[in-house]
Amino acid sequence: MFEVDPVASGAAPGPVAPAGAAKTFRGYDQQQSFLLPPSLDDWLAEDDEARFISEIVDDVLDLTAVYASYESASGAPPYDPRMMLKLLLFAYATGVTSSREVQRRCLRDIGFRWLSGNQAPDYRSLARFRRRHLEVLPGLFAQVLAVCAQAGLVSLGRVALDGTKLSANASKHKAMSYDRIVPKIDQLQAEVGALLAEAEQVDRAEDERHGEDRRGDEIPQELARRQGRLAKLRAAKEQIEQDAAEKAAAAAQEIARSKGEAAEDAERAAGEAAANAEPKPKTQRNFTDPQARIMKTNHGFEYAFNAQATVDEDHQIVLATSVTQQATDVQQFEPMMTQTAGSLAAAGIGQTPEVVLVDAGYCSETNLAAASAMPSTVLIATGRQRHDETFPVDVADGLLPPGASRREQMAHALRTKQGRADYARRKAIVEPVFGQMKTRQNAGRLRLRGLSGAQGEWLLHALCHNLRKLRTATVAGIAPA
C-alpha cells in the first residue's frame, strides 16, 4: 500500500513510495498544471503518419470537387472539408473505419487531435462526409496514383490482377431463401387484406377511441409493419429472379461464343435462356444489405462482395479497383482491364503494362480472346491440362502444333521459360497487398452498405494503401520527398 506524505516538496501532496524503498523514481503528479499553454504540434513526432497525410491533403491534392458540393449548401457552417478528409484518410490508413471510433480518437489520440485542430466532429458528421464524397474518390485516387508515378513507384513491367472477398455489413439472420419468400408473400398478402378490412372498421369508430392527438385515419402499426415486410419480400423475389435470368443468359452466351456461333445466334440463345431461367430454391437475399451476396470467404460462407484490384509489381501500387456482386472472377477480366487503362489515363500515365498476370479463376474462351487482342502480354492460368489438349505438358520453347486452340496457346505460353518466370511472380505481387490492406487497414469488413458504398469504400482503402506505400518510399529515400 502507498502512504500519503503530508509534506511534498514543491508540489501538492500525493502518493509516495513505501518507506525504505531502495530505488528513487521520477516525480509523478496527475494534478500538475502546465506552466505555458500546451501545443499539440510539440507532442506529435516529426515522422508521424498524420503529418504525411496532412501534407498530402494541403499541398498535393486538388480538392475543387470536394468544395464544389458545398456551394449550394444551407444551414450552419460545416466542418472544413480539408480537416474531415484528413481524418478520413488517416483513420482508414490506420485501420479505424468506425465513425464512432474516429470521434473517440479525436478526444484521446494525439494524431487525430492534431489533424482535427483539437476539434471532435460527431460521428454522424463523419459518416455523412464519407458517404457524401464517395463520388469524388476516383479523382482523388487518380491524383495519388499520379504522385506515385512521379515518385518512380509505378513501373508497369509486370501487373497482377486478382480478387478478394470483403465481408458485407449484413447479418446472416436477416435473410430468407427463395423457397421461403414465395409462400411468405402469400401469407402476408392474406394478413394485409384482413388488416385492411379491420382498418376500415376502425376508421368508422368514434374519435375518442383514437385519442386527442390522432386524426383517426392513421394506418395501424401492425398493418404498416406487414406492408413494409411484404414490399421487401417482393423486391427480394424480383431480384432473385432477375439475377437467375442474367446468369442463365451469360452462361448461354458464353457457350455460344465458345462454339463459334454468330453474334445474333448467341444473343438469341441468351434471351431464350433468360426467359426460361428458374431461381434455385435455396438462393438467398439479405434484408440488411439486399445487394450483398453469399460468398465463400476465409471465415466460411458470409454475405460479401467480390473486390478486384490490379497491382504494379515494383512497389505494390494499386492501379485500379472495382467491386462486384458476382462470387466468381471470370466475368471481371475485361472490365478490370478497361478500368486499369482508364485509371492510368486519368493519372496521366501514358504507358500500358508489359505483362499482365491473371490466375485460373479468370480463364474463359471470351477472356482468352480478349487477352490475345491486348497490347500487353497476358498470361492467364488455364488450370490443369485438359484431356483434349494436343501437345504434351513438358513442351517448352518449341513450336505450337498446327490448329492449337486459344487455351492451348495460353498453356504453351505459360510453360515457356519466360512464361514460367513471369507467372511465378503473380502471388508475390497482388496477394500481399490484400493481406496488408486487411490487416493494417481493417479492409476485410465493410462499413458501408450497398454496391456503390462497397465500391467507394474499397477504393478508399486502395487510395490509403497507395499513400502508405508513398510514405514508406519517401522515408526510405526511394521516392523524392
Protein backbone atom coordinates (compact mmCIF):
# COMPACT_ATOMS: atom_id res chain seq x y z
CA MET A 1 0.00 0.00 0.00
CA PHE A 2 1.10 3.54 -0.75
CA GLU A 3 1.08 6.08 2.07
CA VAL A 4 0.31 9.79 1.78
CA ASP A 5 3.28 12.01 2.58
CA PRO A 6 1.91 15.12 4.31
CA VAL A 7 4.93 17.16 3.18
CA ALA A 8 5.66 17.01 -0.55
CA SER A 9 8.36 19.38 -1.65
CA GLY A 10 7.31 21.79 -4.43
CA ALA A 11 4.03 20.05 -5.30
CA ALA A 12 0.68 19.15 -3.89
CA PRO A 13 0.67 16.18 -1.52
CA GLY A 14 0.33 12.88 -3.34
CA PRO A 15 1.18 9.17 -3.10
CA VAL A 16 4.83 8.29 -2.45
CA ALA A 17 6.78 5.05 -2.45
CA PRO A 18 6.76 2.92 0.71
CA ALA A 19 9.27 3.81 3.40
CA GLY A 20 12.61 2.13 2.90
CA ALA A 21 12.32 1.81 -0.90
CA ALA A 22 15.81 1.44 -2.37
CA LYS A 23 15.02 2.99 -5.76
CA THR A 24 14.42 6.70 -6.48
CA PHE A 25 11.67 7.35 -9.01
CA ARG A 26 10.88 10.31 -11.21
CA GLY A 27 8.34 12.76 -9.92
CA TYR A 28 4.71 11.92 -10.75
CA ASP A 29 1.76 14.24 -10.19
CA GLN A 30 -1.53 13.86 -12.10
CA GLN A 31 -2.69 17.30 -10.95
CA GLN A 32 0.38 19.11 -12.33
CA SER A 33 -0.61 22.22 -14.32
CA PHE A 34 1.11 23.43 -17.49
CA LEU A 35 3.30 26.45 -16.95
CA LEU A 36 2.71 27.51 -20.60
CA PRO A 37 -0.20 26.74 -22.95
CA PRO A 38 0.48 23.30 -24.49
CA SER A 39 0.89 22.79 -28.24
CA LEU A 40 -0.26 19.54 -29.85
CA ASP A 41 2.34 20.11 -32.54
CA ASP A 42 5.07 19.61 -29.92
CA TRP A 43 3.54 16.30 -28.87
CA LEU A 44 3.38 14.77 -32.37
CA ALA A 45 6.54 13.11 -33.68
CA GLU A 46 8.07 14.70 -36.76
CA ASP A 47 7.82 11.45 -38.74
CA ASP A 48 4.25 10.63 -37.65
CA GLU A 49 1.94 9.37 -40.38
CA ALA A 50 -0.56 12.10 -39.51
CA ARG A 51 1.89 14.76 -40.69
CA PHE A 52 2.32 12.98 -44.04
CA ILE A 53 -1.46 12.77 -44.56
CA SER A 54 -1.82 16.47 -43.70
CA GLU A 55 0.88 17.46 -46.20
CA ILE A 56 -0.71 15.38 -48.96
CA VAL A 57 -4.13 16.97 -48.44
CA ASP A 58 -2.79 20.52 -48.07
CA ASP A 59 -0.05 20.56 -50.72
CA VAL A 60 -0.78 17.81 -53.26
CA LEU A 61 -4.48 17.03 -53.69
CA ASP A 62 -6.82 19.26 -55.67
CA LEU A 63 -9.98 19.47 -53.57
CA THR A 64 -12.03 21.55 -56.01
CA ALA A 65 -14.57 18.74 -56.47
CA VAL A 66 -14.90 18.33 -52.70
CA TYR A 67 -15.56 22.02 -52.08
CA ALA A 68 -17.93 22.26 -55.05
CA SER A 69 -20.51 20.12 -53.28
CA TYR A 70 -20.93 22.82 -50.61
CA GLU A 71 -21.74 25.71 -52.96
CA SER A 72 -25.49 25.31 -52.62
CA ALA A 73 -25.46 24.04 -49.04
CA SER A 74 -27.50 25.88 -46.44
CA GLY A 75 -27.69 25.81 -42.67
CA ALA A 76 -24.94 26.06 -40.09
CA PRO A 77 -21.30 26.24 -41.29
CA PRO A 78 -19.99 22.69 -41.85
CA TYR A 79 -16.63 21.38 -40.73
CA ASP A 80 -13.73 22.29 -43.02
CA PRO A 81 -13.56 19.59 -45.74
CA ARG A 82 -9.75 19.56 -45.51
CA MET A 83 -9.92 18.57 -41.87
CA MET A 84 -12.60 15.95 -42.49
CA LEU A 85 -10.69 14.43 -45.40
CA LYS A 86 -7.50 14.28 -43.34
CA LEU A 87 -9.34 12.46 -40.58
CA LEU A 88 -10.93 10.04 -43.08
CA LEU A 89 -7.64 9.19 -44.81
CA PHE A 90 -5.68 8.89 -41.57
CA ALA A 91 -8.40 6.75 -39.99
CA TYR A 92 -8.58 4.29 -42.89
CA ALA A 93 -4.79 4.20 -43.26
CA THR A 94 -4.50 3.14 -39.61
CA GLY A 95 -7.40 0.67 -39.63
CA VAL A 96 -10.01 2.84 -37.91
CA THR A 97 -13.14 2.54 -40.06
CA SER A 98 -15.83 3.25 -37.45
CA SER A 99 -17.12 6.83 -37.35
CA ARG A 100 -17.81 6.50 -33.64
CA GLU A 101 -14.25 5.35 -33.04
CA VAL A 102 -12.89 8.29 -35.05
CA GLN A 103 -14.90 10.63 -32.82
CA ARG A 104 -13.40 8.98 -29.73
CA ARG A 105 -9.89 9.17 -31.20
CA CYS A 106 -10.32 12.91 -31.75
CA LEU A 107 -10.56 13.22 -27.97
CA ARG A 108 -7.87 10.71 -26.94
CA ASP A 109 -5.37 10.22 -29.78
CA ILE A 110 -2.70 12.87 -30.44
CA GLY A 111 -2.59 12.21 -34.20
CA PHE A 112 -6.35 12.59 -34.60
CA ARG A 113 -6.48 15.65 -32.31
CA TRP A 114 -3.67 17.30 -34.23
CA LEU A 115 -5.33 16.67 -37.60
CA SER A 116 -8.70 17.93 -36.36
CA GLY A 117 -7.23 21.11 -34.84
CA ASN A 118 -8.38 19.95 -31.41
CA GLN A 119 -11.98 19.59 -32.63
CA ALA A 120 -14.12 16.49 -32.22
CA PRO A 121 -16.61 16.10 -35.09
CA ASP A 122 -19.55 13.93 -34.09
CA TYR A 123 -19.81 10.51 -35.70
CA ARG A 124 -22.88 11.47 -37.75
CA SER A 125 -20.96 14.29 -39.44
CA LEU A 126 -18.05 11.93 -40.13
CA ALA A 127 -20.32 9.25 -41.57
CA ARG A 128 -22.21 11.75 -43.73
CA PHE A 129 -18.95 13.19 -45.06
CA ARG A 130 -17.71 9.73 -46.02
CA ARG A 131 -20.93 8.79 -47.81
CA ARG A 132 -21.38 12.23 -49.38
CA HIS A 133 -17.99 12.29 -51.11
CA LEU A 134 -17.81 8.74 -52.48
CA GLU A 135 -18.19 10.13 -56.00
CA VAL A 136 -15.03 12.27 -55.74
CA LEU A 137 -12.85 9.35 -54.60
CA PRO A 138 -11.95 8.23 -58.16
CA GLY A 139 -10.50 11.68 -58.82
CA LEU A 140 -8.52 11.67 -55.56
CA PHE A 141 -7.32 8.13 -56.29
CA ALA A 142 -6.07 9.24 -59.72
CA GLN A 143 -4.20 12.17 -58.16
CA VAL A 144 -2.46 9.92 -55.64
CA LEU A 145 -1.63 7.41 -58.38
CA ALA A 146 -0.10 10.24 -60.42
CA VAL A 147 2.05 11.28 -57.45
CA CYS A 148 3.21 7.66 -57.02
CA ALA A 149 4.15 7.55 -60.71
CA GLN A 150 6.05 10.84 -60.45
CA ALA A 151 7.91 9.41 -57.46
CA GLY A 152 9.02 6.43 -59.56
CA LEU A 153 6.82 3.88 -57.80
CA VAL A 154 4.91 2.76 -60.93
CA SER A 155 6.96 0.83 -63.49
CA LEU A 156 4.22 -1.13 -65.35
CA GLY A 157 6.55 -4.03 -66.01
CA ARG A 158 4.53 -6.83 -64.51
CA VAL A 159 0.96 -6.18 -63.30
CA ALA A 160 -1.20 -8.73 -61.49
CA LEU A 161 -4.99 -8.89 -61.31
CA ASP A 162 -6.85 -10.76 -58.58
CA GLY A 163 -9.97 -10.67 -56.45
CA THR A 164 -10.69 -10.98 -52.76
CA LYS A 165 -13.87 -11.25 -50.72
CA LEU A 166 -14.97 -8.41 -48.43
CA SER A 167 -17.49 -9.20 -45.71
CA ALA A 168 -20.58 -7.05 -46.11
CA ASN A 169 -22.23 -5.06 -43.33
CA ALA A 170 -25.13 -7.52 -43.26
CA SER A 171 -26.48 -10.00 -40.74
CA LYS A 172 -26.93 -13.66 -41.68
CA HIS A 173 -30.09 -13.69 -39.55
CA LYS A 174 -31.74 -11.00 -41.69
CA ALA A 175 -32.10 -13.13 -44.81
CA MET A 176 -34.53 -15.52 -46.47
CA SER A 177 -34.27 -18.08 -49.27
CA TYR A 178 -36.38 -18.04 -52.45
CA ASP A 179 -38.40 -21.13 -51.47
CA ARG A 180 -39.46 -19.37 -48.26
CA ILE A 181 -40.08 -15.96 -49.82
CA VAL A 182 -42.82 -17.14 -52.21
CA PRO A 183 -45.18 -18.71 -49.60
CA LYS A 184 -44.38 -15.90 -47.16
CA ILE A 185 -45.62 -13.34 -49.72
CA ASP A 186 -48.95 -15.19 -49.99
CA GLN A 187 -49.25 -15.34 -46.21
CA LEU A 188 -48.52 -11.65 -45.77
CA GLN A 189 -50.94 -10.68 -48.55
CA ALA A 190 -53.71 -12.53 -46.69
CA GLU A 191 -52.75 -10.85 -43.41
CA VAL A 192 -52.64 -7.41 -45.05
CA GLY A 193 -56.09 -7.98 -46.56
CA ALA A 194 -57.51 -8.89 -43.17
CA LEU A 195 -55.88 -5.90 -41.53
CA LEU A 196 -57.19 -3.54 -44.23
CA ALA A 197 -60.72 -4.76 -43.60
CA GLU A 198 -60.22 -4.22 -39.89
CA ALA A 199 -58.73 -0.77 -40.58
CA GLU A 200 -61.91 0.27 -42.39
CA GLN A 201 -63.94 -0.60 -39.32
CA VAL A 202 -61.50 1.29 -37.11
CA ASP A 203 -61.80 4.38 -39.35
CA ARG A 204 -65.54 4.47 -38.71
CA ALA A 205 -65.13 4.35 -34.95
CA GLU A 206 -65.59 7.46 -32.90
CA ASP A 207 -62.67 9.84 -32.45
CA GLU A 208 -62.37 9.15 -28.73
CA ARG A 209 -61.11 5.67 -29.46
CA HIS A 210 -58.02 7.15 -31.11
CA GLY A 211 -57.03 9.77 -28.58
CA GLU A 212 -56.93 13.55 -28.76
CA ASP A 213 -53.78 13.81 -30.88
CA ARG A 214 -54.80 11.39 -33.64
CA ARG A 215 -56.94 12.04 -36.69
CA GLY A 216 -58.43 8.55 -36.63
CA ASP A 217 -57.40 7.61 -40.17
CA GLU A 218 -53.79 6.55 -39.49
CA ILE A 219 -52.62 3.18 -40.77
CA PRO A 220 -52.44 0.72 -37.87
CA GLN A 221 -48.87 -0.03 -36.82
CA GLU A 222 -49.29 -3.75 -37.44
CA LEU A 223 -50.51 -3.12 -40.97
CA ALA A 224 -47.65 -0.74 -41.75
CA ARG A 225 -45.14 -3.28 -40.48
CA ARG A 226 -46.60 -6.08 -42.60
CA GLN A 227 -46.82 -3.89 -45.69
CA GLY A 228 -43.16 -2.98 -45.27
CA ARG A 229 -42.18 -6.63 -44.95
CA LEU A 230 -44.31 -7.52 -47.95
CA ALA A 231 -42.60 -4.85 -50.08
CA LYS A 232 -39.16 -6.11 -49.05
CA LEU A 233 -40.10 -9.71 -49.82
CA ARG A 234 -41.45 -8.80 -53.25
CA ALA A 235 -38.31 -6.82 -54.04
CA ALA A 236 -36.12 -9.73 -52.93
CA LYS A 237 -38.14 -12.19 -55.04
CA GLU A 238 -37.87 -9.99 -58.14
CA GLN A 239 -34.13 -9.52 -57.63
CA ILE A 240 -33.51 -13.26 -57.28
CA GLU A 241 -35.48 -13.96 -60.47
CA GLN A 242 -33.64 -11.19 -62.33
CA ASP A 243 -30.24 -12.48 -61.20
CA ALA A 244 -31.14 -16.02 -62.27
CA ALA A 245 -32.16 -14.75 -65.71
CA GLU A 246 -28.96 -12.72 -66.13
CA LYS A 247 -26.80 -15.64 -65.03
CA ALA A 248 -28.53 -18.03 -67.43
CA ALA A 249 -28.19 -15.54 -70.29
CA ALA A 250 -24.48 -15.02 -69.63
CA ALA A 251 -23.84 -18.76 -69.50
CA ALA A 252 -25.75 -19.38 -72.74
CA GLN A 253 -23.89 -16.57 -74.48
CA GLU A 254 -20.52 -17.91 -73.33
CA ILE A 255 -21.37 -21.41 -74.62
CA ALA A 256 -22.47 -19.98 -77.97
CA ARG A 257 -19.27 -17.97 -78.32
CA SER A 258 -17.09 -20.97 -77.44
CA LYS A 259 -18.82 -22.89 -80.27
CA GLY A 260 -18.08 -20.07 -82.70
CA GLU A 261 -21.73 -19.18 -83.29
CA ALA A 262 -22.70 -15.84 -84.79
CA ALA A 263 -23.39 -12.89 -82.53
CA GLU A 264 -27.11 -12.89 -83.41
CA ASP A 265 -27.40 -16.59 -82.54
CA ALA A 266 -25.58 -16.01 -79.26
CA GLU A 267 -27.97 -13.16 -78.37
CA ARG A 268 -30.97 -15.31 -79.26
CA ALA A 269 -29.70 -18.16 -77.09
CA ALA A 270 -29.11 -15.75 -74.21
CA GLY A 271 -32.67 -14.38 -74.49
CA GLU A 272 -34.23 -17.83 -74.50
CA ALA A 273 -32.14 -18.91 -71.50
CA ALA A 274 -33.15 -15.79 -69.57
CA ALA A 275 -36.85 -16.31 -70.33
CA ASN A 276 -36.76 -19.92 -69.12
CA ALA A 277 -34.49 -19.39 -66.12
CA GLU A 278 -35.76 -20.51 -62.73
CA PRO A 279 -34.10 -19.43 -59.47
CA LYS A 280 -32.59 -22.07 -57.23
CA PRO A 281 -34.84 -22.65 -54.19
CA LYS A 282 -32.02 -22.02 -51.71
CA THR A 283 -30.90 -18.72 -53.28
CA GLN A 284 -30.96 -16.13 -50.50
CA ARG A 285 -31.36 -12.38 -50.20
CA ASN A 286 -30.36 -10.29 -47.20
CA PHE A 287 -32.70 -7.58 -45.92
CA THR A 288 -29.95 -5.62 -44.13
CA ASP A 289 -27.97 -5.19 -47.34
CA PRO A 290 -30.01 -6.59 -50.25
CA GLN A 291 -27.12 -6.06 -52.66
CA ALA A 292 -24.71 -8.30 -50.75
CA ARG A 293 -24.38 -11.94 -51.84
CA ILE A 294 -23.49 -15.19 -50.10
CA MET A 295 -19.85 -15.96 -50.93
CA LYS A 296 -17.19 -18.28 -49.60
CA THR A 297 -14.65 -16.32 -47.56
CA ASN A 298 -11.77 -17.31 -45.30
CA HIS A 299 -14.31 -17.43 -42.47
CA GLY A 300 -16.84 -19.65 -44.23
CA PHE A 301 -19.90 -18.58 -46.18
CA GLU A 302 -20.87 -14.98 -45.49
CA TYR A 303 -22.69 -12.10 -47.12
CA ALA A 304 -19.91 -10.39 -49.03
CA PHE A 305 -18.76 -8.54 -52.12
CA ASN A 306 -16.04 -9.58 -54.57
CA ALA A 307 -13.35 -6.88 -54.69
CA GLN A 308 -10.94 -6.64 -57.61
CA ALA A 309 -7.57 -4.91 -57.91
CA THR A 310 -4.71 -4.62 -60.38
CA VAL A 311 -1.34 -4.11 -58.73
CA ASP A 312 2.04 -2.98 -60.10
CA GLU A 313 4.98 -5.20 -59.22
CA ASP A 314 7.85 -2.99 -58.05
CA HIS A 315 6.23 -1.19 -55.11
CA GLN A 316 2.81 -2.90 -54.97
CA ILE A 317 0.92 0.23 -56.01
CA VAL A 318 -2.78 -0.40 -56.70
CA LEU A 319 -3.59 0.76 -60.23
CA ALA A 320 -7.34 0.16 -60.36
CA THR A 321 -10.16 -1.36 -58.30
CA SER A 322 -13.76 -2.45 -58.61
CA VAL A 323 -16.35 -4.34 -56.57
CA THR A 324 -18.89 -6.81 -57.92
CA GLN A 325 -21.74 -8.93 -56.59
CA GLN A 326 -20.54 -11.95 -58.58
CA ALA A 327 -18.74 -14.53 -56.48
CA THR A 328 -16.51 -15.71 -59.34
CA ASP A 329 -13.84 -13.70 -61.11
CA VAL A 330 -14.35 -14.96 -64.65
CA GLN A 331 -16.53 -12.03 -65.77
CA GLN A 332 -14.22 -9.38 -64.29
CA PHE A 333 -11.20 -9.64 -66.62
CA GLU A 334 -12.34 -7.33 -69.41
CA PRO A 335 -13.97 -4.75 -67.08
CA MET A 336 -10.82 -4.61 -64.94
CA MET A 337 -8.55 -4.21 -67.95
CA THR A 338 -10.74 -1.33 -69.12
CA GLN A 339 -10.74 0.10 -65.60
CA THR A 340 -6.95 -0.14 -65.39
CA ALA A 341 -6.47 1.64 -68.71
CA GLY A 342 -8.87 4.39 -67.63
CA SER A 343 -7.19 4.77 -64.25
CA LEU A 344 -3.73 5.11 -65.82
CA ALA A 345 -5.06 7.66 -68.31
CA ALA A 346 -6.74 9.68 -65.54
CA ALA A 347 -3.43 9.74 -63.66
CA GLY A 348 -1.61 10.99 -66.77
CA ILE A 349 0.35 7.76 -67.21
CA GLY A 350 0.72 7.11 -70.93
CA GLN A 351 2.11 3.59 -70.67
CA THR A 352 0.45 0.20 -70.75
CA PRO A 353 1.61 -2.79 -68.68
CA GLU A 354 4.14 -5.03 -70.37
CA VAL A 355 2.89 -8.23 -68.75
CA VAL A 356 -0.47 -8.88 -67.08
CA LEU A 357 -0.68 -11.90 -64.77
CA VAL A 358 -4.07 -13.48 -64.03
CA ASP A 359 -5.00 -16.68 -62.18
CA ALA A 360 -7.15 -19.55 -63.43
CA GLY A 361 -10.33 -18.06 -61.99
CA TYR A 362 -10.43 -15.65 -64.95
CA CYS A 363 -9.87 -18.27 -67.65
CA SER A 364 -12.61 -18.50 -70.29
CA GLU A 365 -12.80 -18.53 -74.05
CA THR A 366 -14.06 -14.95 -74.05
CA ASN A 367 -11.24 -13.72 -71.83
CA LEU A 368 -8.60 -15.61 -73.81
CA ALA A 369 -9.87 -13.94 -76.98
CA ALA A 370 -9.77 -10.52 -75.31
CA ALA A 371 -6.26 -11.19 -74.00
CA SER A 372 -4.96 -12.04 -77.47
CA ALA A 373 -6.14 -8.62 -78.72
CA MET A 374 -4.46 -6.62 -75.95
CA PRO A 375 -1.17 -4.75 -76.48
CA SER A 376 0.21 -6.28 -73.26
CA THR A 377 1.41 -9.84 -72.88
CA VAL A 378 -1.36 -11.52 -70.88
CA LEU A 379 -0.76 -14.77 -69.02
CA ILE A 380 -3.94 -16.42 -67.75
CA ALA A 381 -3.53 -19.71 -65.93
CA THR A 382 -5.52 -22.41 -67.71
CA GLY A 383 -5.58 -24.85 -64.81
CA ARG A 384 -4.63 -28.47 -65.27
CA GLN A 385 -4.04 -29.84 -68.74
CA ARG A 386 -7.31 -30.83 -70.37
CA HIS A 387 -7.74 -34.21 -71.97
CA ASP A 388 -8.31 -32.67 -75.40
CA GLU A 389 -5.09 -30.62 -75.45
CA THR A 390 -2.98 -31.91 -78.32
CA PHE A 391 0.53 -31.25 -77.03
CA PRO A 392 2.44 -32.75 -74.08
CA VAL A 393 2.72 -30.98 -70.73
CA ASP A 394 6.51 -30.71 -70.88
CA VAL A 395 6.61 -28.76 -74.14
CA ALA A 396 8.62 -25.60 -73.58
CA ASP A 397 10.04 -23.29 -76.19
CA GLY A 398 9.14 -25.49 -79.16
CA LEU A 399 6.64 -24.55 -81.85
CA LEU A 400 2.94 -24.97 -81.25
CA PRO A 401 1.22 -27.73 -83.19
CA PRO A 402 -0.97 -26.58 -86.10
CA GLY A 403 -4.53 -25.60 -85.22
CA ALA A 404 -3.88 -25.09 -81.50
CA SER A 405 -6.80 -23.52 -79.64
CA ARG A 406 -6.52 -20.29 -77.64
CA ARG A 407 -6.44 -22.30 -74.42
CA GLU A 408 -3.63 -24.45 -75.78
CA GLN A 409 -1.74 -21.38 -76.95
CA MET A 410 -2.03 -19.83 -73.48
CA ALA A 411 -0.98 -23.08 -71.79
CA HIS A 412 2.04 -23.19 -74.08
CA ALA A 413 2.98 -19.57 -73.27
CA LEU A 414 2.83 -20.36 -69.56
CA ARG A 415 5.17 -23.32 -69.98
CA THR A 416 7.90 -21.42 -71.77
CA LYS A 417 10.91 -20.32 -69.72
CA GLN A 418 9.87 -16.66 -69.79
CA GLY A 419 6.22 -17.52 -69.10
CA ARG A 420 7.13 -19.56 -66.04
CA ALA A 421 9.39 -16.79 -64.74
CA ASP A 422 6.71 -14.14 -65.21
CA TYR A 423 3.79 -16.11 -63.79
CA ALA A 424 5.78 -17.19 -60.73
CA ARG A 425 5.63 -13.55 -59.59
CA ARG A 426 1.82 -13.29 -59.60
CA LYS A 427 1.20 -14.25 -55.98
CA ALA A 428 4.04 -12.09 -54.69
CA ILE A 429 2.62 -9.03 -56.43
CA VAL A 430 -1.07 -8.93 -55.59
CA GLU A 431 -1.78 -11.21 -52.63
CA PRO A 432 0.46 -9.35 -50.13
CA VAL A 433 -1.48 -6.17 -50.97
CA PHE A 434 -4.76 -7.79 -49.94
CA GLY A 435 -3.12 -9.06 -46.76
CA GLN A 436 -1.68 -5.65 -45.90
CA MET A 437 -4.97 -3.86 -46.51
CA LYS A 438 -7.00 -6.35 -44.49
CA THR A 439 -4.51 -6.46 -41.60
CA ARG A 440 -3.31 -2.87 -41.36
CA GLN A 441 -6.39 -1.06 -42.64
CA ASN A 442 -9.13 -3.44 -41.47
CA ALA A 443 -10.34 -3.62 -45.08
CA GLY A 444 -11.77 -7.12 -44.86
CA ARG A 445 -15.09 -5.97 -43.39
CA LEU A 446 -17.01 -3.13 -44.97
CA ARG A 447 -18.84 -0.39 -43.10
CA LEU A 448 -20.96 1.00 -45.94
CA ARG A 449 -23.90 -0.94 -47.35
CA GLY A 450 -24.93 -1.35 -50.96
CA LEU A 451 -22.81 -1.95 -54.04
CA SER A 452 -21.95 1.74 -54.52
CA GLY A 453 -20.94 2.02 -50.87
CA ALA A 454 -18.75 -1.08 -51.14
CA GLN A 455 -17.11 0.24 -54.31
CA GLY A 456 -16.37 3.59 -52.72
CA GLU A 457 -15.01 2.12 -49.51
CA TRP A 458 -12.76 -0.36 -51.34
CA LEU A 459 -11.41 2.49 -53.48
CA LEU A 460 -10.79 4.49 -50.30
CA HIS A 461 -8.81 1.57 -48.87
CA ALA A 462 -6.77 1.34 -52.09
CA LEU A 463 -6.08 5.09 -52.00
CA CYS A 464 -4.86 4.85 -48.40
CA HIS A 465 -2.74 1.81 -49.28
CA ASN A 466 -1.00 3.80 -52.02
CA LEU A 467 -0.44 6.68 -49.60
CA ARG A 468 1.21 4.32 -47.13
CA LYS A 469 3.46 2.95 -49.89
CA LEU A 470 4.34 6.50 -50.93
CA ARG A 471 5.20 7.46 -47.35
CA THR A 472 7.33 4.33 -46.85
CA ALA A 473 9.24 5.02 -50.06
CA THR A 474 9.74 8.67 -49.08
CA VAL A 475 11.04 7.79 -45.61
CA ALA A 476 13.35 5.16 -47.12
CA GLY A 477 14.68 7.67 -49.66
CA ILE A 478 13.33 5.68 -52.62
CA ALA A 479 10.97 8.45 -53.67
CA PRO A 480 11.73 12.17 -53.60
CA ALA A 481 10.38 13.94 -50.52
